[in-house]
Amino acid sequence: QVKLVESGGGFVQTGESLRLSCVYSDSAFNLNAISWYRQAPGQQRELVARIGLYETTTYAASVKGRFSISRDSAKNTVYLQMNSLNPEDTAVYYCNDMAGITNGVWGQGTQVTVSS
């Protein structure tokens, strides 16, 4: 079973940056759409960004212009560069492919905490 493992979260101040990484075990996933989701306490999980075939990208309105998703196929990794972070970005961040999302299979995620 292909696994996607998130890392890179941490505790930062408002205005600072973080880069999250999503590493997958099967290089075939370089052809898959990979999404970053986040879930804040008491909130539903929401889509943050997605990178698809031909590297097309989609962003939530709340992060557009601040976050950037990219893929390094040589490293089987999708990144989420997060700039100008604010407390509303505090959440557990998850990456997943479409099959995992459909089947409700999620990893551990990585915690991002932004202090004011």
Protein backbone atom coordinates (compact mmCIF):
# COMPACT_ATOMS: atom_id res chain seq x y z
CA GLN A 1 0.00 0.00 0.00
CA VAL A 2 1.38 3.35 -1.00
CA LYS A 3 1.94 5.67 1.87
CA LEU A 4 2.10 9.42 1.91
CA VAL A 5 3.98 10.92 4.83
CA GLU A 6 3.69 14.55 5.83
CA SER A 7 6.39 16.56 7.59
CA GLY A 8 7.65 20.09 8.07
CA GLY A 9 5.10 21.53 10.45
CA GLY A 10 6.02 23.62 13.44
CA PHE A 11 5.39 26.64 15.60
CA VAL A 12 5.91 30.03 13.95
CA GLN A 13 5.02 33.68 14.44
CA THR A 14 2.58 35.63 12.29
CA GLY A 15 4.17 36.58 8.99
CA GLU A 16 6.70 33.74 8.98
CA SER A 17 6.98 30.86 6.53
CA LEU A 18 7.04 27.08 6.56
CA ARG A 19 7.51 24.45 3.90
CA LEU A 20 5.63 21.18 4.26
CA SER A 21 6.70 17.99 2.52
CA CYS A 22 4.62 15.03 1.39
CA VAL A 23 6.74 12.02 0.48
CA TYR A 24 5.18 9.01 -1.25
CA SER A 25 6.64 5.56 -1.58
CA ASP A 26 5.69 4.82 -5.18
CA SER A 27 7.05 6.94 -8.01
CA ALA A 28 3.90 6.14 -10.01
CA PHE A 29 2.24 8.73 -7.80
CA ASN A 30 4.16 11.38 -9.69
CA LEU A 31 1.35 11.02 -12.23
CA ASN A 32 -1.37 11.43 -9.59
CA ALA A 33 -3.07 14.51 -8.32
CA ILE A 34 -1.86 15.19 -4.78
CA SER A 35 -3.75 17.48 -2.44
CA TRP A 36 -2.98 19.28 0.78
CA TYR A 37 -5.86 19.53 3.24
CA ARG A 38 -6.00 21.03 6.71
CA GLN A 39 -8.20 20.61 9.74
CA ALA A 40 -8.39 23.13 12.54
CA PRO A 41 -9.82 22.19 15.96
CA GLY A 42 -13.58 21.89 15.77
CA GLN A 43 -13.58 22.45 12.01
CA GLN A 44 -14.08 20.23 9.01
CA ARG A 45 -11.13 19.20 6.91
CA GLU A 46 -10.73 21.60 3.99
CA LEU A 47 -8.82 21.60 0.74
CA VAL A 48 -5.83 23.93 0.75
CA ALA A 49 -4.11 23.18 -2.56
CA ARG A 50 -3.87 20.52 -5.24
CA ILE A 51 -1.35 19.72 -7.93
CA GLY A 52 -2.56 17.61 -10.81
CA LEU A 53 -1.38 16.06 -13.98
CA TYR A 54 0.74 18.45 -16.04
CA GLU A 55 1.37 20.30 -12.78
CA THR A 56 -1.89 22.20 -12.86
CA THR A 57 -2.57 23.79 -9.48
CA THR A 58 -5.62 24.77 -7.48
CA TYR A 59 -5.75 26.85 -4.29
CA ALA A 60 -8.32 27.71 -1.69
CA ALA A 61 -9.24 31.38 -1.80
CA SER A 62 -7.93 31.87 1.73
CA VAL A 63 -4.37 30.87 0.77
CA LYS A 64 -4.10 32.05 -2.83
CA GLY A 65 -1.10 34.31 -3.25
CA ARG A 66 0.47 33.11 0.01
CA PHE A 67 0.84 29.34 -0.48
CA SER A 68 2.48 27.51 -3.34
CA ILE A 69 2.29 23.79 -4.15
CA SER A 70 4.97 22.09 -6.20
CA ARG A 71 6.29 18.64 -7.02
CA ASP A 72 9.80 17.19 -7.20
CA SER A 73 9.32 13.94 -9.09
CA ALA A 74 12.93 12.87 -8.56
CA LYS A 75 12.28 12.88 -4.82
CA ASN A 76 8.70 11.54 -4.89
CA THR A 77 7.72 14.64 -2.97
CA VAL A 78 5.07 17.33 -3.12
CA TYR A 79 5.78 20.54 -1.23
CA LEU A 80 3.53 23.20 0.22
CA GLN A 81 5.36 26.49 0.65
CA MET A 82 3.43 28.64 3.10
CA ASN A 83 4.28 32.33 3.38
CA SER A 84 2.77 35.18 5.39
CA LEU A 85 1.26 32.75 7.86
CA ASN A 86 -1.42 33.97 10.24
CA PRO A 87 -3.21 32.38 13.21
CA GLU A 88 -6.10 31.30 10.95
CA ASP A 89 -3.66 28.93 9.23
CA THR A 90 -3.22 26.95 12.46
CA ALA A 91 -4.29 23.38 11.74
CA VAL A 92 -3.13 19.84 11.14
CA TYR A 93 -2.08 19.59 7.49
CA TYR A 94 -2.56 16.37 5.52
CA CYS A 95 -1.59 15.31 2.03
CA ASN A 96 -3.48 12.69 0.07
CA ASP A 97 -4.21 11.37 -3.37
CA MET A 98 -7.70 11.09 -4.83
CA ALA A 99 -8.06 7.42 -3.91
CA GLY A 100 -7.18 8.09 -0.30
CA ILE A 101 -9.60 10.98 -0.13
CA THR A 102 -12.38 8.88 -1.67
CA ASN A 103 -11.73 5.97 0.70
CA GLY A 104 -11.30 8.14 3.76
CA VAL A 105 -7.75 6.96 4.41
CA TRP A 106 -5.59 9.68 5.93
CA GLY A 107 -2.13 9.82 7.41
CA GLN A 108 -0.99 11.38 10.68
CA GLY A 109 -0.63 14.87 9.27
CA THR A 110 1.73 17.57 10.47
CA GLN A 111 0.79 20.28 12.96
CA VAL A 112 1.18 23.93 12.02
CA THR A 113 0.71 26.48 14.77
CA VAL A 114 0.90 30.21 14.08
CA SER A 115 1.14 32.55 17.02
CA SER A 116 0.06 36.15 17.00
